[in-house]
Amino acid sequence: MKYNTQFALRLVPHGAVKPVITYGLDHDIATITVAEPMVITFNGDLTTDQHVFYIDFNNKTNDTPDMVIEIDSVSIEGMCLDRFKWAGLYYPRYPEPWASMQTKVLEPVLEHTTYLGWNGRWELTFSVPIFTWIHHLEHLGWIYS
């Protein structure tokens, strides 16, 4: 079974050099430069299953320390809740030699972050039908099948 699903993500770039991202929903959709605040949208039929929306941030170098992408909002089916963006996971790729000089263990996965300061992948895993996923995310109680 397929369900029409609407998804929007608002990104805000920070820094003098503009970030380049690849984004997708289960597979690559596009590679773009985030030169100013922008909204990435998806509207299409998704199968009853788990899906992953992701952003790959790859062009930060040691010469661009102030380059950052902020995930300002995530809207699903027209609903914009902070919990949607906080449900994402961020897998930073820490740069060398900085990473090896740290005295504490660096986290391989960061939860509840919307500030992408390193190259890496931010992903939001959700299931369709989307309202069932929202029901679980919001801890709204049991769902009878």
N, C-alpha and C. Protein backbone atom coordinates (compact mmCIF):
# COMPACT_ATOMS: atom_id res chain seq x y z
N MET A 1 0.84 -1.18 0.00
CA MET A 1 0.00 0.00 0.00
C MET A 1 0.89 1.25 0.00
N LYS A 2 0.44 2.29 -0.66
CA LYS A 2 1.20 3.53 -0.71
C LYS A 2 0.37 4.67 -0.12
N TYR A 3 1.10 5.61 0.50
CA TYR A 3 0.47 6.79 1.09
C TYR A 3 1.16 8.04 0.56
N ASN A 4 0.36 9.02 0.15
CA ASN A 4 0.94 10.29 -0.26
C ASN A 4 1.49 10.96 0.98
N THR A 5 2.74 11.39 0.92
CA THR A 5 3.42 11.97 2.07
C THR A 5 4.06 13.30 1.67
N GLN A 6 3.83 14.31 2.49
CA GLN A 6 4.42 15.63 2.27
C GLN A 6 5.46 15.88 3.36
N PHE A 7 6.60 16.36 2.95
CA PHE A 7 7.74 16.53 3.83
C PHE A 7 8.45 17.82 3.44
N ALA A 8 8.80 18.67 4.41
CA ALA A 8 9.54 19.89 4.12
C ALA A 8 10.57 20.12 5.22
N LEU A 9 11.74 20.55 4.83
CA LEU A 9 12.85 20.79 5.76
C LEU A 9 13.42 22.16 5.45
N ARG A 10 13.46 23.04 6.45
CA ARG A 10 14.02 24.39 6.25
C ARG A 10 15.45 24.41 6.76
N LEU A 11 16.39 24.80 5.89
CA LEU A 11 17.81 24.85 6.22
C LEU A 11 18.28 26.29 6.23
N VAL A 12 19.17 26.59 7.19
CA VAL A 12 19.77 27.92 7.28
C VAL A 12 21.28 27.74 7.28
N PRO A 13 22.00 28.30 6.29
CA PRO A 13 23.46 28.21 6.27
C PRO A 13 24.07 29.32 7.13
N HIS A 14 25.23 29.05 7.69
CA HIS A 14 25.98 30.05 8.44
C HIS A 14 27.43 30.00 7.96
N GLY A 15 28.05 31.17 7.91
CA GLY A 15 29.46 31.25 7.50
C GLY A 15 29.62 31.92 6.16
N ALA A 16 30.86 32.30 5.87
CA ALA A 16 31.16 33.01 4.64
C ALA A 16 31.11 32.10 3.42
N VAL A 17 31.56 30.85 3.58
CA VAL A 17 31.52 29.88 2.48
C VAL A 17 30.23 29.08 2.62
N LYS A 18 29.56 28.88 1.53
CA LYS A 18 28.25 28.22 1.56
C LYS A 18 28.38 26.70 1.49
N PRO A 19 27.64 26.01 2.33
CA PRO A 19 27.69 24.54 2.34
C PRO A 19 27.05 23.92 1.09
N VAL A 20 27.61 22.80 0.70
CA VAL A 20 27.05 21.99 -0.38
C VAL A 20 26.57 20.70 0.25
N ILE A 21 25.33 20.33 -0.05
CA ILE A 21 24.76 19.11 0.52
C ILE A 21 24.21 18.22 -0.58
N THR A 22 24.16 16.95 -0.27
CA THR A 22 23.38 16.00 -1.05
C THR A 22 22.26 15.57 -0.12
N TYR A 23 21.05 15.55 -0.63
CA TYR A 23 19.93 15.12 0.21
C TYR A 23 19.13 14.07 -0.52
N GLY A 24 18.36 13.33 0.26
CA GLY A 24 17.55 12.30 -0.37
C GLY A 24 16.53 11.71 0.57
N LEU A 25 15.69 10.91 -0.02
CA LEU A 25 14.70 10.15 0.72
C LEU A 25 14.85 8.71 0.24
N ASP A 26 15.57 7.91 1.01
CA ASP A 26 15.91 6.52 0.70
C ASP A 26 16.97 6.40 -0.40
N HIS A 27 17.12 7.40 -1.24
CA HIS A 27 18.17 7.44 -2.27
C HIS A 27 18.44 8.91 -2.60
N ASP A 28 19.57 9.19 -3.22
CA ASP A 28 19.92 10.57 -3.54
C ASP A 28 18.86 11.22 -4.43
N ILE A 29 18.52 12.46 -4.08
CA ILE A 29 17.60 13.24 -4.90
C ILE A 29 18.36 14.34 -5.63
N ALA A 30 19.20 15.10 -4.88
CA ALA A 30 19.90 16.22 -5.52
C ALA A 30 21.10 16.63 -4.70
N THR A 31 22.02 17.33 -5.33
CA THR A 31 23.15 17.99 -4.67
C THR A 31 22.97 19.48 -4.94
N ILE A 32 22.98 20.26 -3.86
CA ILE A 32 22.72 21.70 -3.98
C ILE A 32 23.65 22.49 -3.08
N THR A 33 23.81 23.77 -3.40
CA THR A 33 24.51 24.71 -2.53
C THR A 33 23.45 25.45 -1.73
N VAL A 34 23.63 25.50 -0.42
CA VAL A 34 22.69 26.20 0.46
C VAL A 34 23.25 27.60 0.67
N ALA A 35 22.92 28.50 -0.25
CA ALA A 35 23.48 29.85 -0.24
C ALA A 35 22.70 30.80 0.66
N GLU A 36 21.46 30.47 0.92
CA GLU A 36 20.59 31.28 1.78
C GLU A 36 19.56 30.36 2.40
N PRO A 37 18.81 30.83 3.40
CA PRO A 37 17.79 29.95 3.98
C PRO A 37 16.87 29.41 2.87
N MET A 38 16.61 28.12 2.94
CA MET A 38 15.81 27.49 1.89
C MET A 38 15.01 26.33 2.45
N VAL A 39 13.99 25.93 1.71
CA VAL A 39 13.15 24.81 2.11
C VAL A 39 13.29 23.71 1.06
N ILE A 40 13.60 22.51 1.52
CA ILE A 40 13.65 21.32 0.68
C ILE A 40 12.31 20.62 0.87
N THR A 41 11.66 20.25 -0.22
CA THR A 41 10.35 19.60 -0.10
C THR A 41 10.33 18.26 -0.82
N PHE A 42 9.44 17.41 -0.34
CA PHE A 42 9.16 16.13 -0.99
C PHE A 42 7.65 15.92 -0.88
N ASN A 43 7.04 15.54 -1.97
CA ASN A 43 5.63 15.21 -1.98
C ASN A 43 5.46 14.04 -2.92
N GLY A 44 5.17 12.88 -2.36
CA GLY A 44 5.05 11.71 -3.20
C GLY A 44 4.50 10.52 -2.45
N ASP A 45 4.29 9.45 -3.18
CA ASP A 45 3.75 8.23 -2.60
C ASP A 45 4.87 7.38 -2.03
N LEU A 46 4.69 6.98 -0.77
CA LEU A 46 5.65 6.12 -0.09
C LEU A 46 4.96 4.83 0.33
N THR A 47 5.69 3.74 0.25
CA THR A 47 5.15 2.45 0.65
C THR A 47 5.07 2.34 2.16
N THR A 48 4.22 1.45 2.63
CA THR A 48 4.10 1.18 4.06
C THR A 48 5.38 0.49 4.50
N ASP A 49 6.26 1.26 5.13
CA ASP A 49 7.57 0.75 5.51
C ASP A 49 8.33 1.87 6.22
N GLN A 50 9.57 1.59 6.61
CA GLN A 50 10.44 2.64 7.15
C GLN A 50 11.15 3.33 6.01
N HIS A 51 11.35 4.64 6.18
CA HIS A 51 12.04 5.45 5.18
C HIS A 51 13.03 6.36 5.90
N VAL A 52 14.03 6.82 5.17
CA VAL A 52 15.05 7.70 5.75
C VAL A 52 15.20 8.93 4.87
N PHE A 53 14.99 10.11 5.47
CA PHE A 53 15.31 11.37 4.81
C PHE A 53 16.68 11.77 5.34
N TYR A 54 17.59 12.18 4.47
CA TYR A 54 18.94 12.49 4.94
C TYR A 54 19.52 13.70 4.25
N ILE A 55 20.52 14.27 4.92
CA ILE A 55 21.34 15.35 4.38
C ILE A 55 22.79 14.93 4.58
N ASP A 56 23.56 14.92 3.50
CA ASP A 56 25.01 14.69 3.57
C ASP A 56 25.70 16.03 3.38
N PHE A 57 26.46 16.44 4.39
CA PHE A 57 27.22 17.69 4.38
C PHE A 57 28.67 17.29 4.17
N ASN A 58 29.30 17.73 3.06
CA ASN A 58 30.61 17.19 2.71
C ASN A 58 31.69 18.19 2.36
N ASN A 59 31.40 19.48 2.23
CA ASN A 59 32.43 20.38 1.71
C ASN A 59 33.11 21.25 2.76
N LYS A 60 32.95 20.95 4.04
CA LYS A 60 33.64 21.72 5.07
C LYS A 60 35.10 21.27 5.14
N THR A 61 36.01 22.24 5.23
CA THR A 61 37.43 21.94 5.34
C THR A 61 37.99 22.67 6.54
N ASN A 62 39.26 22.43 6.84
CA ASN A 62 39.91 23.15 7.94
C ASN A 62 40.00 24.64 7.64
N ASP A 63 39.85 25.03 6.38
CA ASP A 63 39.88 26.44 6.00
C ASP A 63 38.52 27.13 6.13
N THR A 64 37.48 26.37 6.45
CA THR A 64 36.12 26.93 6.57
C THR A 64 35.52 26.61 7.93
N PRO A 65 36.16 27.03 9.02
CA PRO A 65 35.68 26.62 10.35
C PRO A 65 34.31 27.17 10.73
N ASP A 66 33.88 28.27 10.10
CA ASP A 66 32.59 28.84 10.48
C ASP A 66 31.43 28.32 9.62
N MET A 67 31.68 27.38 8.71
CA MET A 67 30.62 26.84 7.86
C MET A 67 29.75 25.87 8.65
N VAL A 68 28.46 26.16 8.70
CA VAL A 68 27.52 25.36 9.47
C VAL A 68 26.18 25.32 8.73
N ILE A 69 25.47 24.21 8.90
CA ILE A 69 24.09 24.12 8.42
C ILE A 69 23.20 23.93 9.64
N GLU A 70 22.17 24.74 9.73
CA GLU A 70 21.20 24.61 10.82
C GLU A 70 19.89 24.09 10.24
N ILE A 71 19.34 23.05 10.86
CA ILE A 71 18.03 22.55 10.47
C ILE A 71 17.03 23.34 11.31
N ASP A 72 16.38 24.30 10.67
CA ASP A 72 15.50 25.22 11.36
C ASP A 72 14.16 24.59 11.68
N SER A 73 13.61 23.81 10.75
CA SER A 73 12.32 23.18 11.00
C SER A 73 12.12 21.99 10.09
N VAL A 74 11.27 21.07 10.54
CA VAL A 74 10.84 19.93 9.75
C VAL A 74 9.32 19.92 9.80
N SER A 75 8.72 19.88 8.65
CA SER A 75 7.26 19.86 8.55
C SER A 75 6.84 18.57 7.84
N ILE A 76 5.90 17.86 8.45
CA ILE A 76 5.39 16.62 7.88
C ILE A 76 3.87 16.74 7.80
N GLU A 77 3.35 16.53 6.62
CA GLU A 77 1.90 16.66 6.38
C GLU A 77 1.36 18.01 6.87
N GLY A 78 2.17 19.05 6.72
CA GLY A 78 1.76 20.39 7.11
C GLY A 78 1.91 20.70 8.58
N MET A 79 2.33 19.72 9.37
CA MET A 79 2.54 19.94 10.81
C MET A 79 4.02 20.19 11.06
N CYS A 80 4.32 21.24 11.79
CA CYS A 80 5.70 21.59 12.09
C CYS A 80 5.89 21.52 13.61
N LEU A 81 6.50 20.44 14.06
CA LEU A 81 6.77 20.25 15.48
C LEU A 81 8.28 20.14 15.69
N ASP A 82 8.79 20.76 16.74
CA ASP A 82 10.22 20.66 17.03
C ASP A 82 10.65 19.21 17.22
N ARG A 83 9.77 18.38 17.74
CA ARG A 83 10.12 16.98 17.97
C ARG A 83 10.52 16.28 16.67
N PHE A 84 9.97 16.72 15.54
CA PHE A 84 10.33 16.10 14.25
C PHE A 84 11.82 16.30 13.97
N LYS A 85 12.32 17.52 14.12
CA LYS A 85 13.74 17.76 13.82
C LYS A 85 14.64 17.15 14.89
N TRP A 86 14.17 17.09 16.12
CA TRP A 86 14.98 16.49 17.19
C TRP A 86 15.03 14.98 17.09
N ALA A 87 14.13 14.37 16.33
CA ALA A 87 14.12 12.91 16.16
C ALA A 87 15.25 12.45 15.23
N GLY A 88 15.89 13.38 14.54
CA GLY A 88 16.97 13.02 13.63
C GLY A 88 18.24 12.64 14.37
N LEU A 89 19.09 11.89 13.69
CA LEU A 89 20.40 11.50 14.21
C LEU A 89 21.47 12.09 13.31
N TYR A 90 22.55 12.55 13.93
CA TYR A 90 23.65 13.18 13.19
C TYR A 90 24.90 12.33 13.38
N TYR A 91 25.51 11.93 12.27
CA TYR A 91 26.71 11.11 12.25
C TYR A 91 27.87 11.97 11.75
N PRO A 92 28.51 12.74 12.65
CA PRO A 92 29.59 13.63 12.19
C PRO A 92 30.85 12.85 11.82
N ARG A 93 31.59 13.40 10.87
CA ARG A 93 32.91 12.87 10.53
C ARG A 93 33.91 13.92 11.01
N TYR A 94 34.47 13.67 12.17
CA TYR A 94 35.37 14.63 12.80
C TYR A 94 36.68 14.72 12.01
N PRO A 95 37.19 15.93 11.82
CA PRO A 95 38.40 16.10 11.02
C PRO A 95 39.67 15.75 11.79
N GLU A 96 40.64 15.32 11.08
CA GLU A 96 41.98 15.11 11.62
C GLU A 96 42.81 16.34 11.30
N PRO A 97 43.73 16.71 12.11
CA PRO A 97 44.21 16.04 13.31
C PRO A 97 43.41 16.40 14.57
N TRP A 98 42.40 17.24 14.42
CA TRP A 98 41.62 17.68 15.57
C TRP A 98 41.06 16.51 16.38
N ALA A 99 40.47 15.52 15.71
CA ALA A 99 39.81 14.41 16.40
C ALA A 99 40.78 13.61 17.27
N SER A 100 41.98 13.35 16.77
CA SER A 100 42.93 12.55 17.54
C SER A 100 43.53 13.33 18.71
N MET A 101 43.40 14.64 18.74
CA MET A 101 43.94 15.45 19.83
C MET A 101 42.96 15.61 20.99
N GLN A 102 41.71 15.12 20.84
CA GLN A 102 40.71 15.29 21.89
C GLN A 102 41.00 14.37 23.07
N THR A 103 40.77 14.87 24.26
CA THR A 103 41.05 14.09 25.48
C THR A 103 39.88 13.20 25.86
N LYS A 104 38.69 13.47 25.35
CA LYS A 104 37.55 12.60 25.64
C LYS A 104 37.09 11.91 24.37
N VAL A 105 36.33 10.87 24.53
CA VAL A 105 35.84 10.09 23.40
C VAL A 105 34.78 10.91 22.67
N LEU A 106 34.93 11.02 21.37
CA LEU A 106 33.97 11.75 20.55
C LEU A 106 32.79 10.84 20.23
N GLU A 107 31.61 11.38 20.35
CA GLU A 107 30.40 10.60 20.09
C GLU A 107 30.26 10.31 18.59
N PRO A 108 30.04 9.04 18.20
CA PRO A 108 29.88 8.72 16.79
C PRO A 108 28.51 9.11 16.24
N VAL A 109 27.51 9.22 17.15
CA VAL A 109 26.15 9.61 16.76
C VAL A 109 25.68 10.65 17.76
N LEU A 110 25.15 11.76 17.24
CA LEU A 110 24.61 12.80 18.10
C LEU A 110 23.10 12.84 17.94
N GLU A 111 22.40 12.77 19.07
CA GLU A 111 20.94 12.84 19.07
C GLU A 111 20.49 14.27 19.36
N HIS A 112 19.29 14.59 18.94
CA HIS A 112 18.64 15.86 19.27
C HIS A 112 19.47 17.07 18.85
N THR A 113 20.17 16.98 17.76
CA THR A 113 20.94 18.13 17.29
C THR A 113 20.42 18.59 15.94
N THR A 114 20.41 19.89 15.77
CA THR A 114 19.96 20.48 14.51
C THR A 114 21.04 21.40 13.94
N TYR A 115 22.20 21.35 14.53
CA TYR A 115 23.31 22.23 14.17
C TYR A 115 24.43 21.35 13.62
N LEU A 116 24.62 21.34 12.31
CA LEU A 116 25.59 20.47 11.68
C LEU A 116 26.88 21.24 11.45
N GLY A 117 27.82 21.06 12.35
CA GLY A 117 29.07 21.81 12.31
C GLY A 117 30.24 21.04 11.73
N TRP A 118 30.07 19.76 11.48
CA TRP A 118 31.11 18.93 10.86
C TRP A 118 30.53 18.32 9.59
N ASN A 119 31.40 17.88 8.72
CA ASN A 119 30.93 17.05 7.62
C ASN A 119 30.26 15.82 8.25
N GLY A 120 29.29 15.28 7.56
CA GLY A 120 28.62 14.10 8.08
C GLY A 120 27.21 14.00 7.55
N ARG A 121 26.46 13.08 8.13
CA ARG A 121 25.09 12.81 7.68
C ARG A 121 24.11 13.02 8.82
N TRP A 122 23.05 13.77 8.53
CA TRP A 122 21.90 13.89 9.43
C TRP A 122 20.78 13.11 8.78
N GLU A 123 20.13 12.25 9.56
CA GLU A 123 19.04 11.48 8.98
C GLU A 123 17.87 11.37 9.94
N LEU A 124 16.70 11.36 9.34
CA LEU A 124 15.44 11.20 10.07
C LEU A 124 14.76 9.95 9.54
N THR A 125 14.67 8.95 10.40
CA THR A 125 14.01 7.69 10.04
C THR A 125 12.56 7.77 10.51
N PHE A 126 11.64 7.47 9.62
CA PHE A 126 10.22 7.51 9.96
C PHE A 126 9.52 6.37 9.24
N SER A 127 8.31 6.11 9.65
CA SER A 127 7.55 5.04 9.01
C SER A 127 6.27 5.59 8.42
N VAL A 128 5.75 4.87 7.45
CA VAL A 128 4.51 5.21 6.79
C VAL A 128 3.54 4.08 7.08
N PRO A 129 2.30 4.36 7.47
CA PRO A 129 1.64 5.65 7.45
C PRO A 129 2.21 6.62 8.48
N ILE A 130 2.39 7.85 8.06
CA ILE A 130 3.10 8.85 8.86
C ILE A 130 2.38 9.19 10.15
N PHE A 131 1.05 9.15 10.16
CA PHE A 131 0.35 9.51 11.40
C PHE A 131 0.55 8.47 12.49
N THR A 132 0.80 7.22 12.13
CA THR A 132 1.15 6.21 13.12
C THR A 132 2.52 6.51 13.71
N TRP A 133 3.47 6.90 12.86
CA TRP A 133 4.81 7.28 13.34
C TRP A 133 4.72 8.48 14.27
N ILE A 134 3.95 9.49 13.91
CA ILE A 134 3.78 10.68 14.76
C ILE A 134 3.15 10.28 16.08
N HIS A 135 2.18 9.39 16.05
CA HIS A 135 1.52 8.90 17.26
C HIS A 135 2.55 8.28 18.22
N HIS A 136 3.44 7.46 17.70
CA HIS A 136 4.49 6.85 18.52
C HIS A 136 5.50 7.88 19.00
N LEU A 137 5.91 8.78 18.12
CA LEU A 137 6.88 9.82 18.46
C LEU A 137 6.38 10.72 19.58
N GLU A 138 5.10 11.02 19.56
CA GLU A 138 4.49 11.90 20.55
C GLU A 138 4.02 11.15 21.81
N HIS A 139 4.23 9.83 21.83
CA HIS A 139 3.82 9.00 22.98
C HIS A 139 2.35 9.21 23.31
N LEU A 140 1.51 9.02 22.31
CA LEU A 140 0.08 9.27 22.48
C LEU A 140 -0.72 8.03 22.90
N GLY A 141 -0.02 6.97 23.24
CA GLY A 141 -0.72 5.77 23.72
C GLY A 141 -0.76 4.66 22.70
N TRP A 142 -1.58 3.68 23.01
CA TRP A 142 -1.68 2.49 22.18
C TRP A 142 -2.41 2.77 20.88
N ILE A 143 -2.02 1.98 19.89
CA ILE A 143 -2.73 1.98 18.62
C ILE A 143 -3.21 0.54 18.38
N TYR A 144 -4.49 0.39 18.14
CA TYR A 144 -5.05 -0.93 17.85
C TYR A 144 -5.02 -1.16 16.36
N SER A 145 -4.51 -2.32 15.96
CA SER A 145 -4.45 -2.65 14.53
C SER A 145 -5.68 -3.42 14.12
